[in-house]
Amino acid sequence: MNNLQSHSVVHPDAKIGKDVTIGPFTCIEKDVVIGDGTWIGPNVTIFDGARIGKNCKIFPGAVIAGIPQDLKFQGELTTAEIGDNTIVREYVTVNRGTSYADKTKVGKNCLLMAYVHVAHDCILGDHVILANNVNLAGHVEIEDWAILEGLVAVQQFTKIGQHAFIAGASLVRKNVPPYIKAAREPLAYAGVNGIGLRRRNFEEEVIKEIHDIYRILFVRGYNISNALEEIEKTIAPSAERETILSFIRAAEGGIVRGFHKVNGSSVYED
């Protein structure tokens, strides 16, 4: 049985799963699918094209599947998808996709904190955390387990690798490889995300290997192509090595800066 409170407006053709709670003054349009057990608070707006999974929580003021803020959008039928167990806090906006990708997607078990904006055609993996006031431009891709602290702004067509950590108030203009911390202006490598990797049960030998890879890439003064050759020569093949190499080779527009100095002091955390 669903709990539909008075003063809500739910189109009769919307597909609402079992045990869904819909708070007062919420509006749900026709072409919407909501999975079992999801809780939708008061004053939420869910437009055509929303596909919301099971056991999600959507807090007051959120707007899901609004049309893209893209002047090229011509009204094509697209979706905004939110995976199971994801939490969408107050005043988050997740826009539909355009014909470029046909969808905007937020994965499973994600947390979008208050005032986050996810623009058209963004693709977020599972277990992603976007803290308060993170803003993603269109076509941004964020892989599994990445964390962006508050007030981070990400430029369009940028990719952030799995298990990466972006410090608060950063401007992300370049791709951020997997497993690293990135901070400062302009955004730069700030070490391996060892704390996050340990929390996710990465073995110490694997974390050491990731450190070794990024020392070659960012600290020893190689250019990117020479660094990749050195990594292949000196680091034994592994899933983590291949993940890093594949990401960097596919990174159109380049990656964040490496080791550098400010006023003669090293700006690097290991």
C-alpha atoms as a PDB file:
ATOM      1  CA  MET A   1       0.000   0.000   0.000  1.00  0.00           C
ATOM      2  CA  ASN A   2       1.226   3.490  -0.831  1.00  0.00           C
ATOM      3  CA  ASN A   3       1.056   6.477   1.478  1.00  0.00           C
ATOM      4  CA  LEU A   4      -0.193   9.361  -0.683  1.00  0.00           C
ATOM      5  CA  GLN A   5      -0.834  12.458   1.409  1.00  0.00           C
ATOM      6  CA  SER A   6      -3.429  15.071   0.600  1.00  0.00           C
ATOM      7  CA  HIS A   7      -2.589  18.069  -1.556  1.00  0.00           C
ATOM      8  CA  SER A   8      -0.178  16.032  -3.704  1.00  0.00           C
ATOM      9  CA  VAL A   9      -0.747  15.866  -7.469  1.00  0.00           C
ATOM     10  CA  VAL A  10       0.137  12.494  -9.004  1.00  0.00           C
ATOM     11  CA  HIS A  11      -0.755  11.768 -12.622  1.00  0.00           C
ATOM     12  CA  PRO A  12      -2.853   8.589 -12.830  1.00  0.00           C
ATOM     13  CA  ASP A  13      -0.545   7.126 -15.480  1.00  0.00           C
ATOM     14  CA  ALA A  14       2.609   7.500 -13.373  1.00  0.00           C
ATOM     15  CA  LYS A  15       3.976   4.076 -12.403  1.00  0.00           C
ATOM     16  CA  ILE A  16       4.321   4.061  -8.635  1.00  0.00           C
ATOM     17  CA  GLY A  17       5.730   0.958  -6.929  1.00  0.00           C
ATOM     18  CA  LYS A  18       4.665  -0.650  -3.669  1.00  0.00           C
ATOM     19  CA  ASP A  19       5.062   1.034  -0.273  1.00  0.00           C
ATOM     20  CA  VAL A  20       5.952   4.412  -1.761  1.00  0.00           C
ATOM     21  CA  THR A  21       5.412   7.486   0.431  1.00  0.00           C
ATOM     22  CA  ILE A  22       4.564  10.780  -1.297  1.00  0.00           C
ATOM     23  CA  GLY A  23       4.445  13.907   0.864  1.00  0.00           C
ATOM     24  CA  PRO A  24       2.028  16.840   0.589  1.00  0.00           C
ATOM     25  CA  PHE A  25       2.329  19.431  -2.178  1.00  0.00           C
ATOM     26  CA  THR A  26       4.450  17.101  -4.299  1.00  0.00           C
ATOM     27  CA  CYS A  27       3.833  16.965  -8.066  1.00  0.00           C
ATOM     28  CA  ILE A  28       4.494  13.838 -10.131  1.00  0.00           C
ATOM     29  CA  GLU A  29       3.887  13.938 -13.892  1.00  0.00           C
ATOM     30  CA  LYS A  30       2.725  11.243 -16.327  1.00  0.00           C
ATOM     31  CA  ASP A  31       5.893   9.635 -17.699  1.00  0.00           C
ATOM     32  CA  VAL A  32       7.415   8.762 -14.334  1.00  0.00           C
ATOM     33  CA  VAL A  33       8.482   5.453 -12.779  1.00  0.00           C
ATOM     34  CA  ILE A  34       9.129   5.165  -9.029  1.00  0.00           C
ATOM     35  CA  GLY A  35      10.393   1.942  -7.459  1.00  0.00           C
ATOM     36  CA  ASP A  36       9.138   0.123  -4.393  1.00  0.00           C
ATOM     37  CA  GLY A  37       9.796   1.531  -0.944  1.00  0.00           C
ATOM     38  CA  THR A  38      10.877   4.992  -2.062  1.00  0.00           C
ATOM     39  CA  TRP A  39      10.125   7.955   0.195  1.00  0.00           C
ATOM     40  CA  ILE A  40       9.342  11.297  -1.462  1.00  0.00           C
ATOM     41  CA  GLY A  41       9.008  14.249   0.866  1.00  0.00           C
ATOM     42  CA  PRO A  42       6.787  17.330   0.592  1.00  0.00           C
ATOM     43  CA  ASN A  43       7.202  19.955  -2.125  1.00  0.00           C
ATOM     44  CA  VAL A  44       9.098  17.687  -4.519  1.00  0.00           C
ATOM     45  CA  THR A  45       8.647  18.056  -8.283  1.00  0.00           C
ATOM     46  CA  ILE A  46       9.147  15.001 -10.492  1.00  0.00           C
ATOM     47  CA  PHE A  47       8.758  15.752 -14.200  1.00  0.00           C
ATOM     48  CA  ASP A  48       8.196  13.497 -17.198  1.00  0.00           C
ATOM     49  CA  GLY A  49      11.172  11.253 -17.864  1.00  0.00           C
ATOM     50  CA  ALA A  50      12.063  10.503 -14.251  1.00  0.00           C
ATOM     51  CA  ARG A  51      13.089   6.914 -13.500  1.00  0.00           C
ATOM     52  CA  ILE A  52      13.587   6.512  -9.767  1.00  0.00           C
ATOM     53  CA  GLY A  53      14.723   3.236  -8.236  1.00  0.00           C
ATOM     54  CA  LYS A  54      13.782   1.332  -5.108  1.00  0.00           C
ATOM     55  CA  ASN A  55      14.220   2.579  -1.541  1.00  0.00           C
ATOM     56  CA  CYS A  56      15.336   6.059  -2.531  1.00  0.00           C
ATOM     57  CA  LYS A  57      14.789   9.134  -0.358  1.00  0.00           C
ATOM     58  CA  ILE A  58      13.992  12.455  -2.028  1.00  0.00           C
ATOM     59  CA  PHE A  59      13.822  15.470   0.271  1.00  0.00           C
ATOM     60  CA  PRO A  60      11.755  18.679   0.052  1.00  0.00           C
ATOM     61  CA  GLY A  61      12.376  21.070  -2.806  1.00  0.00           C
ATOM     62  CA  ALA A  62      14.152  18.592  -5.061  1.00  0.00           C
ATOM     63  CA  VAL A  63      13.370  18.751  -8.797  1.00  0.00           C
ATOM     64  CA  ILE A  64      13.956  15.582 -10.808  1.00  0.00           C
ATOM     65  CA  ALA A  65      13.914  15.403 -14.636  1.00  0.00           C
ATOM     66  CA  GLY A  66      13.537  19.095 -15.380  1.00  0.00           C
ATOM     67  CA  ILE A  67      14.296  19.817 -19.030  1.00  0.00           C
ATOM     68  CA  PRO A  68      17.963  20.505 -19.837  1.00  0.00           C
ATOM     69  CA  GLN A  69      19.347  24.012 -19.497  1.00  0.00           C
ATOM     70  CA  ASP A  70      20.727  23.653 -23.007  1.00  0.00           C
ATOM     71  CA  LEU A  71      19.578  25.846 -25.891  1.00  0.00           C
ATOM     72  CA  LYS A  72      20.141  22.930 -28.299  1.00  0.00           C
ATOM     73  CA  PHE A  73      17.436  20.891 -26.581  1.00  0.00           C
ATOM     74  CA  GLN A  74      14.483  20.401 -28.916  1.00  0.00           C
ATOM     75  CA  GLY A  75      12.051  18.589 -26.640  1.00  0.00           C
ATOM     76  CA  GLU A  76      13.316  15.095 -27.422  1.00  0.00           C
ATOM     77  CA  LEU A  77      12.184  12.244 -25.193  1.00  0.00           C
ATOM     78  CA  THR A  78      14.928  11.638 -22.657  1.00  0.00           C
ATOM     79  CA  THR A  79      15.223  10.484 -19.054  1.00  0.00           C
ATOM     80  CA  ALA A  80      16.749  11.272 -15.687  1.00  0.00           C
ATOM     81  CA  GLU A  81      17.540   8.042 -13.846  1.00  0.00           C
ATOM     82  CA  ILE A  82      18.243   7.609 -10.132  1.00  0.00           C
ATOM     83  CA  GLY A  83      19.448   4.238  -8.871  1.00  0.00           C
ATOM     84  CA  ASP A  84      18.266   2.190  -5.920  1.00  0.00           C
ATOM     85  CA  ASN A  85      18.979   3.397  -2.369  1.00  0.00           C
ATOM     86  CA  THR A  86      20.129   6.832  -3.458  1.00  0.00           C
ATOM     87  CA  ILE A  87      19.465   9.845  -1.222  1.00  0.00           C
ATOM     88  CA  VAL A  88      18.609  13.187  -2.817  1.00  0.00           C
ATOM     89  CA  ARG A  89      18.620  15.997  -0.284  1.00  0.00           C
ATOM     90  CA  GLU A  90      16.893  19.388  -0.231  1.00  0.00           C
ATOM     91  CA  TYR A  91      16.720  21.474  -3.422  1.00  0.00           C
ATOM     92  CA  VAL A  92      18.801  19.132  -5.557  1.00  0.00           C
ATOM     93  CA  THR A  93      18.156  19.425  -9.311  1.00  0.00           C
ATOM     94  CA  VAL A  94      18.763  16.538 -11.707  1.00  0.00           C
ATOM     95  CA  ASN A  95      18.015  17.491 -15.320  1.00  0.00           C
ATOM     96  CA  ARG A  96      17.008  15.145 -18.119  1.00  0.00           C
ATOM     97  CA  GLY A  97      19.430  14.208 -20.859  1.00  0.00           C
ATOM     98  CA  THR A  98      19.523  15.495 -24.425  1.00  0.00           C
ATOM     99  CA  SER A  99      19.815  13.594 -27.694  1.00  0.00           C
ATOM    100  CA  TYR A 100      23.588  13.450 -27.048  1.00  0.00           C
ATOM    101  CA  ALA A 101      23.232  10.638 -24.483  1.00  0.00           C
ATOM    102  CA  ASP A 102      19.437  10.345 -24.130  1.00  0.00           C
ATOM    103  CA  LYS A 103      19.700  10.302 -20.345  1.00  0.00           C
ATOM    104  CA  THR A 104      21.177  11.698 -17.185  1.00  0.00           C
ATOM    105  CA  LYS A 105      22.041   8.923 -14.738  1.00  0.00           C
ATOM    106  CA  VAL A 106      22.756   8.814 -11.018  1.00  0.00           C
ATOM    107  CA  GLY A 107      23.819   5.366  -9.840  1.00  0.00           C
ATOM    108  CA  LYS A 108      22.889   3.251  -6.836  1.00  0.00           C
ATOM    109  CA  ASN A 109      23.675   4.073  -3.204  1.00  0.00           C
ATOM    110  CA  CYS A 110      24.637   7.669  -3.978  1.00  0.00           C
ATOM    111  CA  LEU A 111      24.257  10.721  -1.747  1.00  0.00           C
ATOM    112  CA  LEU A 112      23.488  14.100  -3.319  1.00  0.00           C
ATOM    113  CA  MET A 113      23.547  16.686  -0.551  1.00  0.00           C
ATOM    114  CA  ALA A 114      21.545  19.907  -0.493  1.00  0.00           C
ATOM    115  CA  TYR A 115      21.610  22.246  -3.510  1.00  0.00           C
ATOM    116  CA  VAL A 116      23.559  19.891  -5.777  1.00  0.00           C
ATOM    117  CA  HIS A 117      22.962  20.407  -9.504  1.00  0.00           C
ATOM    118  CA  VAL A 118      23.408  17.522 -11.965  1.00  0.00           C
ATOM    119  CA  ALA A 119      23.106  18.843 -15.512  1.00  0.00           C
ATOM    120  CA  HIS A 120      22.029  17.102 -18.700  1.00  0.00           C
ATOM    121  CA  ASP A 121      23.802  13.951 -19.869  1.00  0.00           C
ATOM    122  CA  CYS A 122      25.864  13.515 -16.705  1.00  0.00           C
ATOM    123  CA  ILE A 123      26.621   9.913 -15.762  1.00  0.00           C
ATOM    124  CA  LEU A 124      27.342   9.104 -12.112  1.00  0.00           C
ATOM    125  CA  GLY A 125      28.401   5.668 -10.951  1.00  0.00           C
ATOM    126  CA  ASP A 126      27.466   3.896  -7.726  1.00  0.00           C
ATOM    127  CA  HIS A 127      28.339   5.090  -4.193  1.00  0.00           C
ATOM    128  CA  VAL A 128      29.139   8.615  -5.395  1.00  0.00           C
ATOM    129  CA  ILE A 129      28.916  11.415  -2.818  1.00  0.00           C
ATOM    130  CA  LEU A 130      28.366  15.029  -3.896  1.00  0.00           C
ATOM    131  CA  ALA A 131      28.447  17.379  -0.901  1.00  0.00           C
ATOM    132  CA  ASN A 132      26.473  20.604  -0.554  1.00  0.00           C
ATOM    133  CA  ASN A 133      26.381  22.975  -3.532  1.00  0.00           C
ATOM    134  CA  VAL A 134      28.357  20.793  -5.929  1.00  0.00           C
ATOM    135  CA  ASN A 135      27.557  21.867  -9.491  1.00  0.00           C
ATOM    136  CA  LEU A 136      28.085  19.592 -12.483  1.00  0.00           C
ATOM    137  CA  ALA A 137      27.923  21.034 -15.985  1.00  0.00           C
ATOM    138  CA  GLY A 138      26.624  18.915 -18.837  1.00  0.00           C
ATOM    139  CA  HIS A 139      28.246  15.652 -19.937  1.00  0.00           C
ATOM    140  CA  VAL A 140      30.272  15.141 -16.753  1.00  0.00           C
ATOM    141  CA  GLU A 141      31.126  11.546 -15.856  1.00  0.00           C
ATOM    142  CA  ILE A 142      31.908  10.472 -12.281  1.00  0.00           C
ATOM    143  CA  GLU A 143      32.953   6.888 -11.613  1.00  0.00           C
ATOM    144  CA  ASP A 144      32.097   4.677  -8.610  1.00  0.00           C
ATOM    145  CA  TRP A 145      32.998   5.747  -5.055  1.00  0.00           C
ATOM    146  CA  ALA A 146      34.199   9.245  -5.987  1.00  0.00           C
ATOM    147  CA  ILE A 147      33.622  12.001  -3.421  1.00  0.00           C
ATOM    148  CA  LEU A 148      33.324  15.716  -4.191  1.00  0.00           C
ATOM    149  CA  GLU A 149      33.350  18.058  -1.218  1.00  0.00           C
ATOM    150  CA  GLY A 150      31.161  21.143  -0.948  1.00  0.00           C
ATOM    151  CA  LEU A 151      31.141  23.948  -3.521  1.00  0.00           C
ATOM    152  CA  VAL A 152      33.030  21.962  -6.169  1.00  0.00           C
ATOM    153  CA  ALA A 153      32.237  23.053  -9.731  1.00  0.00           C
ATOM    154  CA  VAL A 154      32.947  20.678 -12.626  1.00  0.00           C
ATOM    155  CA  GLN A 155      33.355  21.837 -16.228  1.00  0.00           C
ATOM    156  CA  GLN A 156      31.441  20.111 -19.027  1.00  0.00           C
ATOM    157  CA  PHE A 157      32.796  16.897 -20.583  1.00  0.00           C
ATOM    158  CA  THR A 158      35.092  16.311 -17.604  1.00  0.00           C
ATOM    159  CA  LYS A 159      35.620  12.839 -16.141  1.00  0.00           C
ATOM    160  CA  ILE A 160      36.432  11.960 -12.533  1.00  0.00           C
ATOM    161  CA  GLY A 161      37.848   8.501 -11.883  1.00  0.00           C
ATOM    162  CA  GLN A 162      36.787   5.886  -9.373  1.00  0.00           C
ATOM    163  CA  HIS A 163      37.693   6.414  -5.701  1.00  0.00           C
ATOM    164  CA  ALA A 164      38.885   9.973  -6.406  1.00  0.00           C
ATOM    165  CA  PHE A 165      38.454  12.722  -3.805  1.00  0.00           C
ATOM    166  CA  ILE A 166      38.049  16.404  -4.747  1.00  0.00           C
ATOM    167  CA  ALA A 167      38.666  19.016  -2.054  1.00  0.00           C
ATOM    168  CA  GLY A 168      36.006  21.597  -1.277  1.00  0.00           C
ATOM    169  CA  ALA A 169      35.583  24.725  -3.429  1.00  0.00           C
ATOM    170  CA  SER A 170      37.710  23.256  -6.233  1.00  0.00           C
ATOM    171  CA  LEU A 171      37.221  24.147  -9.884  1.00  0.00           C
ATOM    172  CA  VAL A 172      37.530  20.977 -11.962  1.00  0.00           C
ATOM    173  CA  ARG A 173      38.600  21.870 -15.500  1.00  0.00           C
ATOM    174  CA  LYS A 174      40.646  18.739 -16.271  1.00  0.00           C
ATOM    175  CA  ASN A 175      40.032  15.030 -15.893  1.00  0.00           C
ATOM    176  CA  VAL A 176      40.849  13.591 -12.458  1.00  0.00           C
ATOM    177  CA  PRO A 177      42.406  10.092 -12.564  1.00  0.00           C
ATOM    178  CA  PRO A 178      41.259   7.244 -10.287  1.00  0.00           C
ATOM    179  CA  TYR A 179      42.337   6.783  -6.662  1.00  0.00           C
ATOM    180  CA  ILE A 180      43.777  10.264  -6.116  1.00  0.00           C
ATOM    181  CA  LYS A 181      43.075  13.363  -4.065  1.00  0.00           C
ATOM    182  CA  ALA A 182      42.918  16.638  -5.985  1.00  0.00           C
ATOM    183  CA  ALA A 183      42.978  20.138  -4.517  1.00  0.00           C
ATOM    184  CA  ARG A 184      44.151  23.755  -4.915  1.00  0.00           C
ATOM    185  CA  GLU A 185      43.828  26.257  -7.742  1.00  0.00           C
ATOM    186  CA  PRO A 186      44.529  25.341 -10.432  1.00  0.00           C
ATOM    187  CA  LEU A 187      43.447  21.837  -9.489  1.00  0.00           C
ATOM    188  CA  ALA A 188      46.409  19.518  -8.895  1.00  0.00           C
ATOM    189  CA  TYR A 189      47.357  16.080  -7.654  1.00  0.00           C
ATOM    190  CA  ALA A 190      47.477  16.084  -3.838  1.00  0.00           C
ATOM    191  CA  GLY A 191      48.368  12.457  -3.191  1.00  0.00           C
ATOM    192  CA  VAL A 192      46.656   9.091  -3.277  1.00  0.00           C
ATOM    193  CA  ASN A 193      43.280   8.756  -1.535  1.00  0.00           C
ATOM    194  CA  GLY A 194      44.720   6.256   0.922  1.00  0.00           C
ATOM    195  CA  ILE A 195      42.135   6.861   3.633  1.00  0.00           C
ATOM    196  CA  GLY A 196      39.259   6.204   1.249  1.00  0.00           C
ATOM    197  CA  LEU A 197      40.928   3.107  -0.179  1.00  0.00           C
ATOM    198  CA  ARG A 198      41.549   1.637   3.270  1.00  0.00           C
ATOM    199  CA  ARG A 199      37.934   2.258   4.229  1.00  0.00           C
ATOM    200  CA  ARG A 200      36.964   0.212   1.180  1.00  0.00           C
ATOM    201  CA  ASN A 201      39.305  -2.634   2.167  1.00  0.00           C
ATOM    202  CA  PHE A 202      42.050  -2.149  -0.416  1.00  0.00           C
ATOM    203  CA  GLU A 203      45.135  -4.094   0.684  1.00  0.00           C
ATOM    204  CA  GLU A 204      48.243  -2.150   1.686  1.00  0.00           C
ATOM    205  CA  GLU A 205      50.264  -3.662  -1.156  1.00  0.00           C
ATOM    206  CA  VAL A 206      47.710  -2.422  -3.667  1.00  0.00           C
ATOM    207  CA  ILE A 207      47.733   1.071  -2.146  1.00  0.00           C
ATOM    208  CA  LYS A 208      51.561   1.078  -2.283  1.00  0.00           C
ATOM    209  CA  GLU A 209      51.421   0.108  -5.963  1.00  0.00           C
ATOM    210  CA  ILE A 210      49.022   2.987  -6.669  1.00  0.00           C
ATOM    211  CA  HIS A 211      51.422   5.354  -4.858  1.00  0.00           C
ATOM    212  CA  ASP A 212      54.301   4.070  -7.008  1.00  0.00           C
ATOM    213  CA  ILE A 213      52.327   4.639 -10.207  1.00  0.00           C
ATOM    214  CA  TYR A 214      51.417   8.205  -9.327  1.00  0.00           C
ATOM    215  CA  ARG A 215      54.953   9.073  -8.194  1.00  0.00           C
ATOM    216  CA  ILE A 216      56.101   8.196 -11.692  1.00  0.00           C
ATOM    217  CA  LEU A 217      53.225  10.068 -13.288  1.00  0.00           C
ATOM    218  CA  PHE A 218      53.156  13.218 -11.186  1.00  0.00           C
ATOM    219  CA  VAL A 219      56.324  13.599  -9.083  1.00  0.00           C
ATOM    220  CA  ARG A 220      59.384  12.538 -11.063  1.00  0.00           C
ATOM    221  CA  GLY A 221      59.161  15.098 -13.845  1.00  0.00           C
ATOM    222  CA  TYR A 222      58.218  12.861 -16.768  1.00  0.00           C
ATOM    223  CA  ASN A 223      55.859  14.070 -19.458  1.00  0.00           C
ATOM    224  CA  ILE A 224      52.696  12.000 -19.721  1.00  0.00           C
ATOM    225  CA  SER A 225      53.757   9.717 -22.574  1.00  0.00           C
ATOM    226  CA  ASN A 226      57.138   8.939 -20.996  1.00  0.00           C
ATOM    227  CA  ALA A 227      55.501   8.379 -17.617  1.00  0.00           C
ATOM    228  CA  LEU A 228      53.093   5.841 -19.109  1.00  0.00           C
ATOM    229  CA  GLU A 229      56.017   3.983 -20.722  1.00  0.00           C
ATOM    230  CA  GLU A 230      57.907   3.966 -17.415  1.00  0.00           C
ATOM    231  CA  ILE A 231      54.863   2.661 -15.555  1.00  0.00           C
ATOM    232  CA  GLU A 232      54.452  -0.187 -18.022  1.00  0.00           C
ATOM    233  CA  LYS A 233      58.160  -1.076 -17.716  1.00  0.00           C
ATOM    234  CA  THR A 234      58.491  -0.909 -13.936  1.00  0.00           C
ATOM    235  CA  ILE A 235      55.062  -1.684 -12.429  1.00  0.00           C
ATOM    236  CA  ALA A 236      53.722  -5.236 -12.720  1.00  0.00           C
ATOM    237  CA  PRO A 237      50.348  -5.609 -14.445  1.00  0.00           C
ATOM    238  CA  SER A 238      47.325  -5.406 -12.143  1.00  0.00           C
ATOM    239  CA  ALA A 239      43.705  -4.327 -12.284  1.00  0.00           C
ATOM    240  CA  GLU A 240      44.568  -0.990 -10.652  1.00  0.00           C
ATOM    241  CA  ARG A 241      47.452  -0.307 -13.041  1.00  0.00           C
ATOM    242  CA  GLU A 242      45.261  -1.002 -16.053  1.00  0.00           C
ATOM    243  CA  THR A 243      42.465   1.161 -14.664  1.00  0.00           C
ATOM    244  CA  ILE A 244      44.845   4.114 -14.301  1.00  0.00           C
ATOM    245  CA  LEU A 245      46.536   3.666 -17.681  1.00  0.00           C
ATOM    246  CA  SER A 246      43.239   3.239 -19.530  1.00  0.00           C
ATOM    247  CA  PHE A 247      41.767   6.327 -17.880  1.00  0.00           C
ATOM    248  CA  ILE A 248      44.737   8.543 -18.770  1.00  0.00           C
ATOM    249  CA  ARG A 249      44.968   7.327 -22.350  1.00  0.00           C
ATOM    250  CA  ALA A 250      41.266   8.034 -22.870  1.00  0.00           C
ATOM    251  CA  ALA A 251      41.328  11.427 -21.130  1.00  0.00           C
ATOM    252  CA  GLU A 252      40.505  13.928 -23.845  1.00  0.00           C
ATOM    253  CA  GLY A 253      41.576  17.400 -22.787  1.00  0.00           C
ATOM    254  CA  GLY A 254      44.268  16.119 -20.415  1.00  0.00           C
ATOM    255  CA  ILE A 255      44.442  15.445 -16.694  1.00  0.00           C
ATOM    256  CA  VAL A 256      45.016  17.584 -13.602  1.00  0.00           C
ATOM    257  CA  ARG A 257      48.438  19.018 -12.829  1.00  0.00           C
ATOM    258  CA  GLY A 258      51.059  17.024 -11.012  1.00  0.00           C
ATOM    259  CA  PHE A 259      53.658  17.773  -8.371  1.00  0.00           C
ATOM    260  CA  HIS A 260      54.678  21.440  -8.227  1.00  0.00           C
ATOM    261  CA  LYS A 261      56.043  24.055  -5.871  1.00  0.00           C
ATOM    262  CA  VAL A 262      54.549  27.228  -4.425  1.00  0.00           C
ATOM    263  CA  ASN A 263      56.979  29.864  -3.078  1.00  0.00           C
ATOM    264  CA  GLY A 264      59.713  27.258  -3.009  1.00  0.00           C
ATOM    265  CA  SER A 265      57.779  24.786  -0.883  1.00  0.00           C
ATOM    266  CA  SER A 266      56.565  21.418  -2.092  1.00  0.00           C
ATOM    267  CA  VAL A 267      52.829  21.209  -2.655  1.00  0.00           C
ATOM    268  CA  TYR A 268      52.311  17.494  -2.384  1.00  0.00           C
ATOM    269  CA  GLU A 269      50.718  15.118   0.082  1.00  0.00           C
ATOM    270  CA  ASP A 270      51.485  11.415   0.155  1.00  0.00           C
END
